Amino acid sequence: MQLITYLIGTAVSLGTSVAFWGTAAHSMGMLPPEAFIAAENIGITLPPMPR
């Protein structure tokens, strides 16, 4: 049971970290064009990056 709790906690932490840094990179205009293509492929529409 502790292993499952650990794995869920790790997955949530990783997801939060990826979301935070992805948002930061997007707001600073640092995402490569491939990120927009990958997002579109999984059904996510990203807003245009600031210039």
N, C-alpha and C. Protein backbone atom coordinates (compact mmCIF):
# COMPACT_ATOMS: atom_id res chain seq x y z
N MET A 1 0.82 -1.20 0.00
CA MET A 1 0.00 0.00 0.00
C MET A 1 0.86 1.26 0.00
N GLN A 2 1.97 1.21 0.71
CA GLN A 2 2.85 2.38 0.74
C GLN A 2 3.46 2.64 -0.63
N LEU A 3 3.72 1.57 -1.37
CA LEU A 3 4.29 1.72 -2.71
C LEU A 3 3.31 2.45 -3.63
N ILE A 4 2.04 2.08 -3.56
CA ILE A 4 1.03 2.73 -4.40
C ILE A 4 0.92 4.21 -4.03
N THR A 5 0.91 4.50 -2.74
CA THR A 5 0.85 5.89 -2.30
C THR A 5 2.06 6.67 -2.79
N TYR A 6 3.23 6.05 -2.71
CA TYR A 6 4.46 6.69 -3.18
C TYR A 6 4.40 6.96 -4.68
N LEU A 7 3.95 5.98 -5.45
CA LEU A 7 3.88 6.14 -6.90
C LEU A 7 2.88 7.21 -7.30
N ILE A 8 1.74 7.26 -6.63
CA ILE A 8 0.75 8.29 -6.94
C ILE A 8 1.30 9.67 -6.59
N GLY A 9 1.95 9.78 -5.44
CA GLY A 9 2.54 11.06 -5.04
C GLY A 9 3.61 11.51 -6.02
N THR A 10 4.42 10.58 -6.48
CA THR A 10 5.46 10.89 -7.45
C THR A 10 4.85 11.34 -8.78
N ALA A 11 3.82 10.66 -9.22
CA ALA A 11 3.17 11.01 -10.48
C ALA A 11 2.53 12.41 -10.40
N VAL A 12 1.90 12.71 -9.27
CA VAL A 12 1.28 14.03 -9.10
C VAL A 12 2.35 15.11 -9.07
N SER A 13 3.45 14.84 -8.37
CA SER A 13 4.54 15.82 -8.30
C SER A 13 5.15 16.07 -9.67
N LEU A 14 5.37 15.02 -10.42
CA LEU A 14 5.94 15.15 -11.76
C LEU A 14 4.99 15.93 -12.68
N GLY A 15 3.71 15.60 -12.62
CA GLY A 15 2.74 16.30 -13.44
C GLY A 15 2.65 17.78 -13.10
N THR A 16 2.70 18.09 -11.81
CA THR A 16 2.65 19.49 -11.39
C THR A 16 3.88 20.24 -11.85
N SER A 17 5.04 19.60 -11.74
CA SER A 17 6.29 20.23 -12.16
C SER A 17 6.30 20.49 -13.67
N VAL A 18 5.88 19.50 -14.44
CA VAL A 18 5.83 19.67 -15.89
C VAL A 18 4.86 20.77 -16.27
N ALA A 19 3.70 20.81 -15.62
CA ALA A 19 2.71 21.85 -15.92
C ALA A 19 3.25 23.23 -15.56
N PHE A 20 3.90 23.35 -14.42
CA PHE A 20 4.43 24.65 -13.99
C PHE A 20 5.50 25.15 -14.96
N TRP A 21 6.49 24.30 -15.25
CA TRP A 21 7.58 24.75 -16.12
C TRP A 21 7.11 24.93 -17.56
N GLY A 22 6.14 24.13 -18.00
CA GLY A 22 5.58 24.32 -19.33
C GLY A 22 4.86 25.64 -19.45
N THR A 23 4.11 26.00 -18.42
CA THR A 23 3.41 27.29 -18.41
C THR A 23 4.40 28.44 -18.38
N ALA A 24 5.44 28.30 -17.57
CA ALA A 24 6.46 29.35 -17.49
C ALA A 24 7.17 29.53 -18.84
N ALA A 25 7.53 28.41 -19.47
CA ALA A 25 8.21 28.49 -20.76
C ALA A 25 7.29 29.12 -21.81
N HIS A 26 6.01 28.76 -21.77
CA HIS A 26 5.07 29.32 -22.73
C HIS A 26 4.92 30.83 -22.53
N SER A 27 4.81 31.27 -21.27
CA SER A 27 4.60 32.69 -21.02
C SER A 27 5.84 33.52 -21.37
N MET A 28 7.01 32.90 -21.38
CA MET A 28 8.23 33.61 -21.76
C MET A 28 8.56 33.45 -23.23
N GLY A 29 7.70 32.75 -23.98
CA GLY A 29 7.91 32.58 -25.41
C GLY A 29 9.03 31.63 -25.76
N MET A 30 9.26 30.63 -24.91
CA MET A 30 10.39 29.73 -25.10
C MET A 30 10.01 28.35 -25.64
N LEU A 31 8.74 28.12 -25.96
CA LEU A 31 8.35 26.81 -26.47
C LEU A 31 8.72 26.67 -27.94
N PRO A 32 9.30 25.54 -28.33
CA PRO A 32 9.59 25.33 -29.75
C PRO A 32 8.30 25.01 -30.51
N PRO A 33 8.31 25.20 -31.81
CA PRO A 33 7.11 24.91 -32.61
C PRO A 33 6.63 23.46 -32.46
N GLU A 34 7.55 22.55 -32.19
CA GLU A 34 7.18 21.14 -32.04
C GLU A 34 6.24 20.94 -30.87
N ALA A 35 6.35 21.79 -29.85
CA ALA A 35 5.47 21.66 -28.68
C ALA A 35 4.02 21.93 -29.07
N PHE A 36 3.81 22.87 -29.97
CA PHE A 36 2.45 23.17 -30.42
C PHE A 36 1.89 22.03 -31.26
N ILE A 37 2.74 21.43 -32.09
CA ILE A 37 2.32 20.30 -32.92
C ILE A 37 1.96 19.12 -32.03
N ALA A 38 2.80 18.83 -31.04
CA ALA A 38 2.54 17.70 -30.13
C ALA A 38 1.25 17.93 -29.35
N ALA A 39 1.03 19.16 -28.91
CA ALA A 39 -0.19 19.47 -28.17
C ALA A 39 -1.43 19.29 -29.05
N GLU A 40 -1.36 19.74 -30.28
CA GLU A 40 -2.48 19.57 -31.20
C GLU A 40 -2.77 18.09 -31.45
N ASN A 41 -1.73 17.28 -31.51
CA ASN A 41 -1.91 15.85 -31.77
C ASN A 41 -2.67 15.15 -30.65
N ILE A 42 -2.58 15.67 -29.43
CA ILE A 42 -3.32 15.04 -28.32
C ILE A 42 -4.56 15.84 -27.94
N GLY A 43 -4.94 16.81 -28.76
CA GLY A 43 -6.19 17.52 -28.57
C GLY A 43 -6.13 18.74 -27.69
N ILE A 44 -4.94 19.30 -27.47
CA ILE A 44 -4.81 20.50 -26.65
C ILE A 44 -4.47 21.67 -27.57
N THR A 45 -5.21 22.74 -27.45
CA THR A 45 -4.93 23.95 -28.23
C THR A 45 -4.25 24.95 -27.32
N LEU A 46 -3.02 25.26 -27.61
CA LEU A 46 -2.28 26.25 -26.84
C LEU A 46 -2.53 27.64 -27.39
N PRO A 47 -2.65 28.63 -26.53
CA PRO A 47 -2.80 30.00 -27.02
C PRO A 47 -1.49 30.47 -27.65
N PRO A 48 -1.53 31.46 -28.51
CA PRO A 48 -0.29 31.93 -29.11
C PRO A 48 0.66 32.47 -28.05
N MET A 49 1.95 32.32 -28.30
CA MET A 49 2.95 32.81 -27.36
C MET A 49 3.07 34.32 -27.47
N PRO A 50 3.42 34.96 -26.36
CA PRO A 50 3.64 36.41 -26.43
C PRO A 50 4.88 36.72 -27.27
N ARG A 51 4.92 37.88 -27.83
CA ARG A 51 6.06 38.24 -28.66
C ARG A 51 6.97 39.18 -27.93
